[in-house]
mmCIF file of all heavy atoms, coordinates in Angstrom:
data_MODEL
# 
_entry.id   MODEL 
# 
loop_
_atom_site.group_PDB 
_atom_site.id 
_atom_site.type_symbol 
_atom_site.label_atom_id 
_atom_site.label_alt_id 
_atom_site.label_comp_id 
_atom_site.label_asym_id 
_atom_site.label_entity_id 
_atom_site.label_seq_id 
_atom_site.pdbx_PDB_ins_code 
_atom_site.Cartn_x 
_atom_site.Cartn_y 
_atom_site.Cartn_z 
_atom_site.occupancy 
_atom_site.B_iso_or_equiv 
_atom_site.pdbx_formal_charge 
_atom_site.auth_seq_id 
_atom_site.auth_comp_id 
_atom_site.auth_asym_id 
_atom_site.auth_atom_id 
_atom_site.pdbx_PDB_model_num 
ATOM 1   N N   . SER A 1 1  ? 23.664 -4.170  -9.221  1.00 0.00 ? 1  SER A N   1 
ATOM 2   C CA  . SER A 1 1  ? 22.851 -3.176  -8.501  1.00 0.00 ? 1  SER A CA  1 
ATOM 3   C C   . SER A 1 1  ? 21.355 -3.416  -8.650  1.00 0.00 ? 1  SER A C   1 
ATOM 4   O O   . SER A 1 1  ? 20.602 -3.238  -7.702  1.00 0.00 ? 1  SER A O   1 
ATOM 5   C CB  . SER A 1 1  ? 23.166 -1.766  -9.001  1.00 0.00 ? 1  SER A CB  1 
ATOM 6   O OG  . SER A 1 1  ? 24.441 -1.393  -8.597  1.00 0.00 ? 1  SER A OG  1 
ATOM 7   N N   . LEU A 1 2  ? 20.928 -3.778  -9.844  1.00 0.00 ? 2  LEU A N   1 
ATOM 8   C CA  . LEU A 1 2  ? 19.498 -3.964  -10.087 1.00 0.00 ? 2  LEU A CA  1 
ATOM 9   C C   . LEU A 1 2  ? 18.928 -5.099  -9.237  1.00 0.00 ? 2  LEU A C   1 
ATOM 10  O O   . LEU A 1 2  ? 17.769 -5.057  -8.841  1.00 0.00 ? 2  LEU A O   1 
ATOM 11  C CB  . LEU A 1 2  ? 19.241 -4.208  -11.572 1.00 0.00 ? 2  LEU A CB  1 
ATOM 12  C CG  . LEU A 1 2  ? 19.707 -3.084  -12.507 1.00 0.00 ? 2  LEU A CG  1 
ATOM 13  C CD1 . LEU A 1 2  ? 19.478 -3.458  -13.956 1.00 0.00 ? 2  LEU A CD1 1 
ATOM 14  C CD2 . LEU A 1 2  ? 19.037 -1.761  -12.166 1.00 0.00 ? 2  LEU A CD2 1 
ATOM 15  N N   . LYS A 1 3  ? 19.754 -6.077  -8.921  1.00 0.00 ? 3  LYS A N   1 
ATOM 16  C CA  . LYS A 1 3  ? 19.307 -7.193  -8.078  1.00 0.00 ? 3  LYS A CA  1 
ATOM 17  C C   . LYS A 1 3  ? 19.501 -6.887  -6.598  1.00 0.00 ? 3  LYS A C   1 
ATOM 18  O O   . LYS A 1 3  ? 18.625 -7.170  -5.785  1.00 0.00 ? 3  LYS A O   1 
ATOM 19  C CB  . LYS A 1 3  ? 20.054 -8.467  -8.463  1.00 0.00 ? 3  LYS A CB  1 
ATOM 20  C CG  . LYS A 1 3  ? 19.693 -8.953  -9.852  1.00 0.00 ? 3  LYS A CG  1 
ATOM 21  C CD  . LYS A 1 3  ? 20.495 -10.152 -10.247 1.00 0.00 ? 3  LYS A CD  1 
ATOM 22  C CE  . LYS A 1 3  ? 20.145 -10.557 -11.677 1.00 0.00 ? 3  LYS A CE  1 
ATOM 23  N NZ  . LYS A 1 3  ? 21.052 -11.539 -12.219 1.00 0.00 ? 3  LYS A NZ  1 
ATOM 24  N N   . VAL A 1 4  ? 20.641 -6.306  -6.248  1.00 0.00 ? 4  VAL A N   1 
ATOM 25  C CA  . VAL A 1 4  ? 20.936 -6.005  -4.840  1.00 0.00 ? 4  VAL A CA  1 
ATOM 26  C C   . VAL A 1 4  ? 19.918 -5.009  -4.278  1.00 0.00 ? 4  VAL A C   1 
ATOM 27  O O   . VAL A 1 4  ? 19.442 -5.167  -3.154  1.00 0.00 ? 4  VAL A O   1 
ATOM 28  C CB  . VAL A 1 4  ? 22.378 -5.473  -4.673  1.00 0.00 ? 4  VAL A CB  1 
ATOM 29  C CG1 . VAL A 1 4  ? 22.625 -4.996  -3.245  1.00 0.00 ? 4  VAL A CG1 1 
ATOM 30  C CG2 . VAL A 1 4  ? 23.396 -6.539  -5.059  1.00 0.00 ? 4  VAL A CG2 1 
ATOM 31  N N   . CYS A 1 5  ? 19.562 -4.007  -5.066  1.00 0.00 ? 5  CYS A N   1 
ATOM 32  C CA  . CYS A 1 5  ? 18.645 -2.961  -4.592  1.00 0.00 ? 5  CYS A CA  1 
ATOM 33  C C   . CYS A 1 5  ? 17.285 -3.497  -4.192  1.00 0.00 ? 5  CYS A C   1 
ATOM 34  O O   . CYS A 1 5  ? 16.626 -2.938  -3.320  1.00 0.00 ? 5  CYS A O   1 
ATOM 35  C CB  . CYS A 1 5  ? 18.471 -1.879  -5.656  1.00 0.00 ? 5  CYS A CB  1 
ATOM 36  S SG  . CYS A 1 5  ? 19.875 -0.760  -5.738  1.00 0.00 ? 5  CYS A SG  1 
ATOM 37  N N   . GLU A 1 6  ? 16.867 -4.571  -4.815  1.00 0.00 ? 6  GLU A N   1 
ATOM 38  C CA  . GLU A 1 6  ? 15.564 -5.157  -4.486  1.00 0.00 ? 6  GLU A CA  1 
ATOM 39  C C   . GLU A 1 6  ? 15.498 -5.651  -3.046  1.00 0.00 ? 6  GLU A C   1 
ATOM 40  O O   . GLU A 1 6  ? 14.420 -5.827  -2.498  1.00 0.00 ? 6  GLU A O   1 
ATOM 41  C CB  . GLU A 1 6  ? 15.233 -6.298  -5.450  1.00 0.00 ? 6  GLU A CB  1 
ATOM 42  C CG  . GLU A 1 6  ? 14.986 -5.799  -6.864  1.00 0.00 ? 6  GLU A CG  1 
ATOM 43  C CD  . GLU A 1 6  ? 14.727 -6.920  -7.856  1.00 0.00 ? 6  GLU A CD  1 
ATOM 44  O OE1 . GLU A 1 6  ? 14.905 -8.104  -7.501  1.00 0.00 ? 6  GLU A OE1 1 
ATOM 45  O OE2 . GLU A 1 6  ? 14.338 -6.595  -8.985  1.00 0.00 ? 6  GLU A OE2 1 
ATOM 46  N N   . LYS A 1 7  ? 16.657 -5.846  -2.414  1.00 0.00 ? 7  LYS A N   1 
ATOM 47  C CA  . LYS A 1 7  ? 16.714 -6.383  -1.049  1.00 0.00 ? 7  LYS A CA  1 
ATOM 48  C C   . LYS A 1 7  ? 17.031 -5.314  -0.010  1.00 0.00 ? 7  LYS A C   1 
ATOM 49  O O   . LYS A 1 7  ? 17.182 -5.621  1.160   1.00 0.00 ? 7  LYS A O   1 
ATOM 50  C CB  . LYS A 1 7  ? 17.776 -7.485  -0.981  1.00 0.00 ? 7  LYS A CB  1 
ATOM 51  C CG  . LYS A 1 7  ? 17.512 -8.631  -1.930  1.00 0.00 ? 7  LYS A CG  1 
ATOM 52  C CD  . LYS A 1 7  ? 18.683 -9.570  -2.002  1.00 0.00 ? 7  LYS A CD  1 
ATOM 53  C CE  . LYS A 1 7  ? 18.436 -10.588 -3.102  1.00 0.00 ? 7  LYS A CE  1 
ATOM 54  N NZ  . LYS A 1 7  ? 19.645 -11.187 -3.598  1.00 0.00 ? 7  LYS A NZ  1 
ATOM 55  N N   . LEU A 1 8  ? 17.159 -4.062  -0.444  1.00 0.00 ? 8  LEU A N   1 
ATOM 56  C CA  . LEU A 1 8  ? 17.584 -2.997  0.470   1.00 0.00 ? 8  LEU A CA  1 
ATOM 57  C C   . LEU A 1 8  ? 16.403 -2.217  1.025   1.00 0.00 ? 8  LEU A C   1 
ATOM 58  O O   . LEU A 1 8  ? 15.348 -2.112  0.399   1.00 0.00 ? 8  LEU A O   1 
ATOM 59  C CB  . LEU A 1 8  ? 18.535 -2.041  -0.255  1.00 0.00 ? 8  LEU A CB  1 
ATOM 60  C CG  . LEU A 1 8  ? 19.851 -2.645  -0.740  1.00 0.00 ? 8  LEU A CG  1 
ATOM 61  C CD1 . LEU A 1 8  ? 20.645 -1.604  -1.517  1.00 0.00 ? 8  LEU A CD1 1 
ATOM 62  C CD2 . LEU A 1 8  ? 20.668 -3.189  0.429   1.00 0.00 ? 8  LEU A CD2 1 
ATOM 63  N N   . GLU A 1 9  ? 16.636 -1.630  2.203   1.00 0.00 ? 9  GLU A N   1 
ATOM 64  C CA  . GLU A 1 9  ? 15.659 -0.730  2.811   1.00 0.00 ? 9  GLU A CA  1 
ATOM 65  C C   . GLU A 1 9  ? 15.724 0.620   2.100   1.00 0.00 ? 9  GLU A C   1 
ATOM 66  O O   . GLU A 1 9  ? 16.693 0.915   1.409   1.00 0.00 ? 9  GLU A O   1 
ATOM 67  C CB  . GLU A 1 9  ? 15.982 -0.550  4.293   1.00 0.00 ? 9  GLU A CB  1 
ATOM 68  C CG  . GLU A 1 9  ? 15.820 -1.813  5.102   1.00 0.00 ? 9  GLU A CG  1 
ATOM 69  C CD  . GLU A 1 9  ? 16.190 -1.614  6.561   1.00 0.00 ? 9  GLU A CD  1 
ATOM 70  O OE1 . GLU A 1 9  ? 16.332 -0.460  7.010   1.00 0.00 ? 9  GLU A OE1 1 
ATOM 71  O OE2 . GLU A 1 9  ? 16.327 -2.637  7.249   1.00 0.00 ? 9  GLU A OE2 1 
ATOM 72  N N   . PRO A 1 10 ? 14.736 1.478   2.294   1.00 0.00 ? 10 PRO A N   1 
ATOM 73  C CA  . PRO A 1 10 ? 14.705 2.787   1.617   1.00 0.00 ? 10 PRO A CA  1 
ATOM 74  C C   . PRO A 1 10 ? 15.892 3.692   1.969   1.00 0.00 ? 10 PRO A C   1 
ATOM 75  O O   . PRO A 1 10 ? 16.469 3.584   3.047   1.00 0.00 ? 10 PRO A O   1 
ATOM 76  C CB  . PRO A 1 10 ? 13.397 3.406   2.120   1.00 0.00 ? 10 PRO A CB  1 
ATOM 77  C CG  . PRO A 1 10 ? 12.550 2.249   2.505   1.00 0.00 ? 10 PRO A CG  1 
ATOM 78  C CD  . PRO A 1 10 ? 13.509 1.223   3.046   1.00 0.00 ? 10 PRO A CD  1 
ATOM 79  N N   . PHE A 1 11 ? 16.205 4.582   1.034   1.00 0.00 ? 11 PHE A N   1 
ATOM 80  C CA  . PHE A 1 11 ? 17.271 5.565   1.181   1.00 0.00 ? 11 PHE A CA  1 
ATOM 81  C C   . PHE A 1 11 ? 16.735 6.962   0.936   1.00 0.00 ? 11 PHE A C   1 
ATOM 82  O O   . PHE A 1 11 ? 15.794 7.153   0.168   1.00 0.00 ? 11 PHE A O   1 
ATOM 83  C CB  . PHE A 1 11 ? 18.409 5.297   0.172   1.00 0.00 ? 11 PHE A CB  1 
ATOM 84  C CG  . PHE A 1 11 ? 19.211 4.090   0.500   1.00 0.00 ? 11 PHE A CG  1 
ATOM 85  C CD1 . PHE A 1 11 ? 18.807 2.843   0.071   1.00 0.00 ? 11 PHE A CD1 1 
ATOM 86  C CD2 . PHE A 1 11 ? 20.355 4.197   1.275   1.00 0.00 ? 11 PHE A CD2 1 
ATOM 87  C CE1 . PHE A 1 11 ? 19.534 1.710   0.385   1.00 0.00 ? 11 PHE A CE1 1 
ATOM 88  C CE2 . PHE A 1 11 ? 21.093 3.066   1.596   1.00 0.00 ? 11 PHE A CE2 1 
ATOM 89  C CZ  . PHE A 1 11 ? 20.680 1.822   1.153   1.00 0.00 ? 11 PHE A CZ  1 
ATOM 90  N N   . ASP A 1 12 ? 17.381 7.938   1.567   1.00 0.00 ? 12 ASP A N   1 
ATOM 91  C CA  . ASP A 1 12 ? 17.021 9.332   1.355   1.00 0.00 ? 12 ASP A CA  1 
ATOM 92  C C   . ASP A 1 12 ? 17.610 9.856   0.048   1.00 0.00 ? 12 ASP A C   1 
ATOM 93  O O   . ASP A 1 12 ? 16.975 10.620  -0.665  1.00 0.00 ? 12 ASP A O   1 
ATOM 94  C CB  . ASP A 1 12 ? 17.523 10.191  2.524   1.00 0.00 ? 12 ASP A CB  1 
ATOM 95  C CG  . ASP A 1 12 ? 16.923 9.734   3.840   1.00 0.00 ? 12 ASP A CG  1 
ATOM 96  O OD1 . ASP A 1 12 ? 15.685 9.743   3.958   1.00 0.00 ? 12 ASP A OD1 1 
ATOM 97  O OD2 . ASP A 1 12 ? 17.689 9.347   4.744   1.00 0.00 ? 12 ASP A OD2 1 
ATOM 98  N N   . ILE A 1 13 ? 18.845 9.456   -0.238  1.00 0.00 ? 13 ILE A N   1 
ATOM 99  C CA  . ILE A 1 13 ? 19.546 9.901   -1.445  1.00 0.00 ? 13 ILE A CA  1 
ATOM 100 C C   . ILE A 1 13 ? 20.060 8.669   -2.184  1.00 0.00 ? 13 ILE A C   1 
ATOM 101 O O   . ILE A 1 13 ? 20.705 7.803   -1.580  1.00 0.00 ? 13 ILE A O   1 
ATOM 102 C CB  . ILE A 1 13 ? 20.762 10.805  -1.106  1.00 0.00 ? 13 ILE A CB  1 
ATOM 103 C CG1 . ILE A 1 13 ? 20.345 11.984  -0.220  1.00 0.00 ? 13 ILE A CG1 1 
ATOM 104 C CG2 . ILE A 1 13 ? 21.461 11.265  -2.384  1.00 0.00 ? 13 ILE A CG2 1 
ATOM 105 C CD1 . ILE A 1 13 ? 19.369 12.949  -0.848  1.00 0.00 ? 13 ILE A CD1 1 
ATOM 106 N N   . ILE A 1 14 ? 19.790 8.602   -3.489  1.00 0.00 ? 14 ILE A N   1 
ATOM 107 C CA  . ILE A 1 14 ? 20.318 7.522   -4.321  1.00 0.00 ? 14 ILE A CA  1 
ATOM 108 C C   . ILE A 1 14 ? 21.073 8.153   -5.477  1.00 0.00 ? 14 ILE A C   1 
ATOM 109 O O   . ILE A 1 14 ? 20.532 8.985   -6.210  1.00 0.00 ? 14 ILE A O   1 
ATOM 110 C CB  . ILE A 1 14 ? 19.201 6.597   -4.838  1.00 0.00 ? 14 ILE A CB  1 
ATOM 111 C CG1 . ILE A 1 14 ? 18.462 5.945   -3.660  1.00 0.00 ? 14 ILE A CG1 1 
ATOM 112 C CG2 . ILE A 1 14 ? 19.776 5.544   -5.793  1.00 0.00 ? 14 ILE A CG2 1 
ATOM 113 C CD1 . ILE A 1 14 ? 17.297 5.061   -4.052  1.00 0.00 ? 14 ILE A CD1 1 
ATOM 114 N N   . TYR A 1 15 ? 22.326 7.746   -5.617  1.00 0.00 ? 15 TYR A N   1 
ATOM 115 C CA  . TYR A 1 15 ? 23.193 8.259   -6.679  1.00 0.00 ? 15 TYR A CA  1 
ATOM 116 C C   . TYR A 1 15 ? 23.326 7.182   -7.754  1.00 0.00 ? 15 TYR A C   1 
ATOM 117 O O   . TYR A 1 15 ? 23.734 6.052   -7.463  1.00 0.00 ? 15 TYR A O   1 
ATOM 118 C CB  . TYR A 1 15 ? 24.566 8.609   -6.105  1.00 0.00 ? 15 TYR A CB  1 
ATOM 119 C CG  . TYR A 1 15 ? 25.430 9.381   -7.061  1.00 0.00 ? 15 TYR A CG  1 
ATOM 120 C CD1 . TYR A 1 15 ? 25.212 10.741  -7.279  1.00 0.00 ? 15 TYR A CD1 1 
ATOM 121 C CD2 . TYR A 1 15 ? 26.460 8.770   -7.754  1.00 0.00 ? 15 TYR A CD2 1 
ATOM 122 C CE1 . TYR A 1 15 ? 26.005 11.460  -8.157  1.00 0.00 ? 15 TYR A CE1 1 
ATOM 123 C CE2 . TYR A 1 15 ? 27.263 9.484   -8.623  1.00 0.00 ? 15 TYR A CE2 1 
ATOM 124 C CZ  . TYR A 1 15 ? 27.017 10.832  -8.821  1.00 0.00 ? 15 TYR A CZ  1 
ATOM 125 O OH  . TYR A 1 15 ? 27.805 11.535  -9.691  1.00 0.00 ? 15 TYR A OH  1 
ATOM 126 N N   . ILE A 1 16 ? 22.963 7.530   -8.984  1.00 0.00 ? 16 ILE A N   1 
ATOM 127 C CA  . ILE A 1 16 ? 23.002 6.586   -10.101 1.00 0.00 ? 16 ILE A CA  1 
ATOM 128 C C   . ILE A 1 16 ? 23.961 7.116   -11.159 1.00 0.00 ? 16 ILE A C   1 
ATOM 129 O O   . ILE A 1 16 ? 23.705 8.151   -11.776 1.00 0.00 ? 16 ILE A O   1 
ATOM 130 C CB  . ILE A 1 16 ? 21.593 6.393   -10.715 1.00 0.00 ? 16 ILE A CB  1 
ATOM 131 C CG1 . ILE A 1 16 ? 20.605 5.900   -9.660  1.00 0.00 ? 16 ILE A CG1 1 
ATOM 132 C CG2 . ILE A 1 16 ? 21.660 5.437   -11.905 1.00 0.00 ? 16 ILE A CG2 1 
ATOM 133 C CD1 . ILE A 1 16 ? 19.158 5.813   -10.146 1.00 0.00 ? 16 ILE A CD1 1 
ATOM 134 N N   . ASP A 1 17 ? 25.046 6.384   -11.350 1.00 0.00 ? 17 ASP A N   1 
ATOM 135 C CA  . ASP A 1 17 ? 26.062 6.764   -12.336 1.00 0.00 ? 17 ASP A CA  1 
ATOM 136 C C   . ASP A 1 17 ? 26.657 5.497   -12.953 1.00 0.00 ? 17 ASP A C   1 
ATOM 137 O O   . ASP A 1 17 ? 27.809 5.159   -12.717 1.00 0.00 ? 17 ASP A O   1 
ATOM 138 C CB  . ASP A 1 17 ? 27.148 7.613   -11.662 1.00 0.00 ? 17 ASP A CB  1 
ATOM 139 C CG  . ASP A 1 17 ? 28.240 8.056   -12.624 1.00 0.00 ? 17 ASP A CG  1 
ATOM 140 O OD1 . ASP A 1 17 ? 28.031 7.990   -13.851 1.00 0.00 ? 17 ASP A OD1 1 
ATOM 141 O OD2 . ASP A 1 17 ? 29.311 8.444   -12.144 1.00 0.00 ? 17 ASP A OD2 1 
ATOM 142 N N   . PRO A 1 18 ? 25.834 4.779   -13.750 1.00 0.00 ? 18 PRO A N   1 
ATOM 143 C CA  . PRO A 1 18 ? 26.341 3.551   -14.373 1.00 0.00 ? 18 PRO A CA  1 
ATOM 144 C C   . PRO A 1 18 ? 27.257 3.884   -15.549 1.00 0.00 ? 18 PRO A C   1 
ATOM 145 O O   . PRO A 1 18 ? 27.355 5.061   -15.938 1.00 0.00 ? 18 PRO A O   1 
ATOM 146 C CB  . PRO A 1 18 ? 25.066 2.861   -14.864 1.00 0.00 ? 18 PRO A CB  1 
ATOM 147 C CG  . PRO A 1 18 ? 24.136 3.982   -15.167 1.00 0.00 ? 18 PRO A CG  1 
ATOM 148 C CD  . PRO A 1 18 ? 24.448 5.046   -14.138 1.00 0.00 ? 18 PRO A CD  1 
ATOM 149 N N   . PRO A 1 19 ? 27.907 2.877   -16.127 1.00 0.00 ? 19 PRO A N   1 
ATOM 150 C CA  . PRO A 1 19 ? 28.645 3.151   -17.367 1.00 0.00 ? 19 PRO A CA  1 
ATOM 151 C C   . PRO A 1 19 ? 27.690 3.854   -18.349 1.00 0.00 ? 19 PRO A C   1 
ATOM 152 O O   . PRO A 1 19 ? 26.546 3.432   -18.516 1.00 0.00 ? 19 PRO A O   1 
ATOM 153 C CB  . PRO A 1 19 ? 29.032 1.752   -17.855 1.00 0.00 ? 19 PRO A CB  1 
ATOM 154 C CG  . PRO A 1 19 ? 29.092 0.926   -16.597 1.00 0.00 ? 19 PRO A CG  1 
ATOM 155 C CD  . PRO A 1 19 ? 28.007 1.477   -15.724 1.00 0.00 ? 19 PRO A CD  1 
ATOM 156 N N   . TYR A 1 20 ? 28.149 4.941   -18.945 1.00 0.00 ? 20 TYR A N   1 
ATOM 157 C CA  . TYR A 1 20 ? 27.271 5.825   -19.710 1.00 0.00 ? 20 TYR A CA  1 
ATOM 158 C C   . TYR A 1 20 ? 26.422 5.139   -20.776 1.00 0.00 ? 20 TYR A C   1 
ATOM 159 O O   . TYR A 1 20 ? 25.266 5.459   -20.945 1.00 0.00 ? 20 TYR A O   1 
ATOM 160 C CB  . TYR A 1 20 ? 28.081 6.943   -20.363 1.00 0.00 ? 20 TYR A CB  1 
ATOM 161 C CG  . TYR A 1 20 ? 28.504 8.033   -19.401 1.00 0.00 ? 20 TYR A CG  1 
ATOM 162 C CD1 . TYR A 1 20 ? 29.635 8.785   -19.662 1.00 0.00 ? 20 TYR A CD1 1 
ATOM 163 C CD2 . TYR A 1 20 ? 27.787 8.320   -18.250 1.00 0.00 ? 20 TYR A CD2 1 
ATOM 164 C CE1 . TYR A 1 20 ? 30.040 9.795   -18.801 1.00 0.00 ? 20 TYR A CE1 1 
ATOM 165 C CE2 . TYR A 1 20 ? 28.175 9.321   -17.383 1.00 0.00 ? 20 TYR A CE2 1 
ATOM 166 C CZ  . TYR A 1 20 ? 29.306 10.057  -17.668 1.00 0.00 ? 20 TYR A CZ  1 
ATOM 167 O OH  . TYR A 1 20 ? 29.699 11.054  -16.819 1.00 0.00 ? 20 TYR A OH  1 
ATOM 168 N N   . PHE A 1 21 ? 26.965 4.215   -21.507 1.00 0.00 ? 21 PHE A N   1 
ATOM 169 C CA  . PHE A 1 21 ? 26.216 3.632   -22.622 1.00 0.00 ? 21 PHE A CA  1 
ATOM 170 C C   . PHE A 1 21 ? 25.789 2.194   -22.332 1.00 0.00 ? 21 PHE A C   1 
ATOM 171 O O   . PHE A 1 21 ? 25.676 1.368   -23.216 1.00 0.00 ? 21 PHE A O   1 
ATOM 172 C CB  . PHE A 1 21 ? 27.050 3.734   -23.907 1.00 0.00 ? 21 PHE A CB  1 
ATOM 173 C CG  . PHE A 1 21 ? 27.410 5.166   -24.218 1.00 0.00 ? 21 PHE A CG  1 
ATOM 174 C CD1 . PHE A 1 21 ? 28.677 5.655   -23.936 1.00 0.00 ? 21 PHE A CD1 1 
ATOM 175 C CD2 . PHE A 1 21 ? 26.468 6.045   -24.736 1.00 0.00 ? 21 PHE A CD2 1 
ATOM 176 C CE1 . PHE A 1 21 ? 29.002 6.981   -24.183 1.00 0.00 ? 21 PHE A CE1 1 
ATOM 177 C CE2 . PHE A 1 21 ? 26.769 7.372   -24.987 1.00 0.00 ? 21 PHE A CE2 1 
ATOM 178 C CZ  . PHE A 1 21 ? 28.040 7.844   -24.714 1.00 0.00 ? 21 PHE A CZ  1 
ATOM 179 N N   . SER A 1 22 ? 25.507 1.936   -21.063 1.00 0.00 ? 22 SER A N   1 
ATOM 180 C CA  . SER A 1 22 ? 25.157 0.585   -20.622 1.00 0.00 ? 22 SER A CA  1 
ATOM 181 C C   . SER A 1 22 ? 23.685 0.248   -20.863 1.00 0.00 ? 22 SER A C   1 
ATOM 182 O O   . SER A 1 22 ? 23.310 -0.911  -20.795 1.00 0.00 ? 22 SER A O   1 
ATOM 183 C CB  . SER A 1 22 ? 25.465 0.432   -19.139 1.00 0.00 ? 22 SER A CB  1 
ATOM 184 O OG  . SER A 1 22 ? 24.725 1.383   -18.387 1.00 0.00 ? 22 SER A OG  1 
ATOM 185 N N   . GLY A 1 23 ? 22.850 1.267   -21.082 1.00 0.00 ? 23 GLY A N   1 
ATOM 186 C CA  . GLY A 1 23 ? 21.434 1.026   -21.320 1.00 0.00 ? 23 GLY A CA  1 
ATOM 187 C C   . GLY A 1 23 ? 20.649 0.664   -20.071 1.00 0.00 ? 23 GLY A C   1 
ATOM 188 O O   . GLY A 1 23 ? 19.558 0.095   -20.180 1.00 0.00 ? 23 GLY A O   1 
ATOM 189 N N   . VAL A 1 24 ? 21.165 0.974   -18.880 1.00 0.00 ? 24 VAL A N   1 
ATOM 190 C CA  . VAL A 1 24 ? 20.472 0.588   -17.644 1.00 0.00 ? 24 VAL A CA  1 
ATOM 191 C C   . VAL A 1 24 ? 19.845 1.771   -16.901 1.00 0.00 ? 24 VAL A C   1 
ATOM 192 O O   . VAL A 1 24 ? 19.337 1.588   -15.794 1.00 0.00 ? 24 VAL A O   1 
ATOM 193 C CB  . VAL A 1 24 ? 21.399 -0.194  -16.677 1.00 0.00 ? 24 VAL A CB  1 
ATOM 194 C CG1 . VAL A 1 24 ? 21.873 -1.485  -17.299 1.00 0.00 ? 24 VAL A CG1 1 
ATOM 195 C CG2 . VAL A 1 24 ? 22.561 0.654   -16.223 1.00 0.00 ? 24 VAL A CG2 1 
ATOM 196 N N   . TYR A 1 25 ? 19.841 2.946   -17.487 1.00 0.00 ? 25 TYR A N   1 
ATOM 197 C CA  . TYR A 1 25 ? 19.321 4.123   -16.779 1.00 0.00 ? 25 TYR A CA  1 
ATOM 198 C C   . TYR A 1 25 ? 17.854 3.975   -16.385 1.00 0.00 ? 25 TYR A C   1 
ATOM 199 O O   . TYR A 1 25 ? 17.495 4.177   -15.221 1.00 0.00 ? 25 TYR A O   1 
ATOM 200 C CB  . TYR A 1 25 ? 19.518 5.391   -17.608 1.00 0.00 ? 25 TYR A CB  1 
ATOM 201 C CG  . TYR A 1 25 ? 20.917 5.931   -17.544 1.00 0.00 ? 25 TYR A CG  1 
ATOM 202 C CD1 . TYR A 1 25 ? 21.830 5.676   -18.567 1.00 0.00 ? 25 TYR A CD1 1 
ATOM 203 C CD2 . TYR A 1 25 ? 21.351 6.666   -16.461 1.00 0.00 ? 25 TYR A CD2 1 
ATOM 204 C CE1 . TYR A 1 25 ? 23.122 6.165   -18.504 1.00 0.00 ? 25 TYR A CE1 1 
ATOM 205 C CE2 . TYR A 1 25 ? 22.644 7.161   -16.387 1.00 0.00 ? 25 TYR A CE2 1 
ATOM 206 C CZ  . TYR A 1 25 ? 23.525 6.909   -17.417 1.00 0.00 ? 25 TYR A CZ  1 
ATOM 207 O OH  . TYR A 1 25 ? 24.805 7.383   -17.334 1.00 0.00 ? 25 TYR A OH  1 
# 
């Protein structure tokens, strides 16, 4: 996600729910 998002156009709503203890918040 961190790499793919860099190539995306803007969004109105972004939902972030990674593995809880992944350290990527």
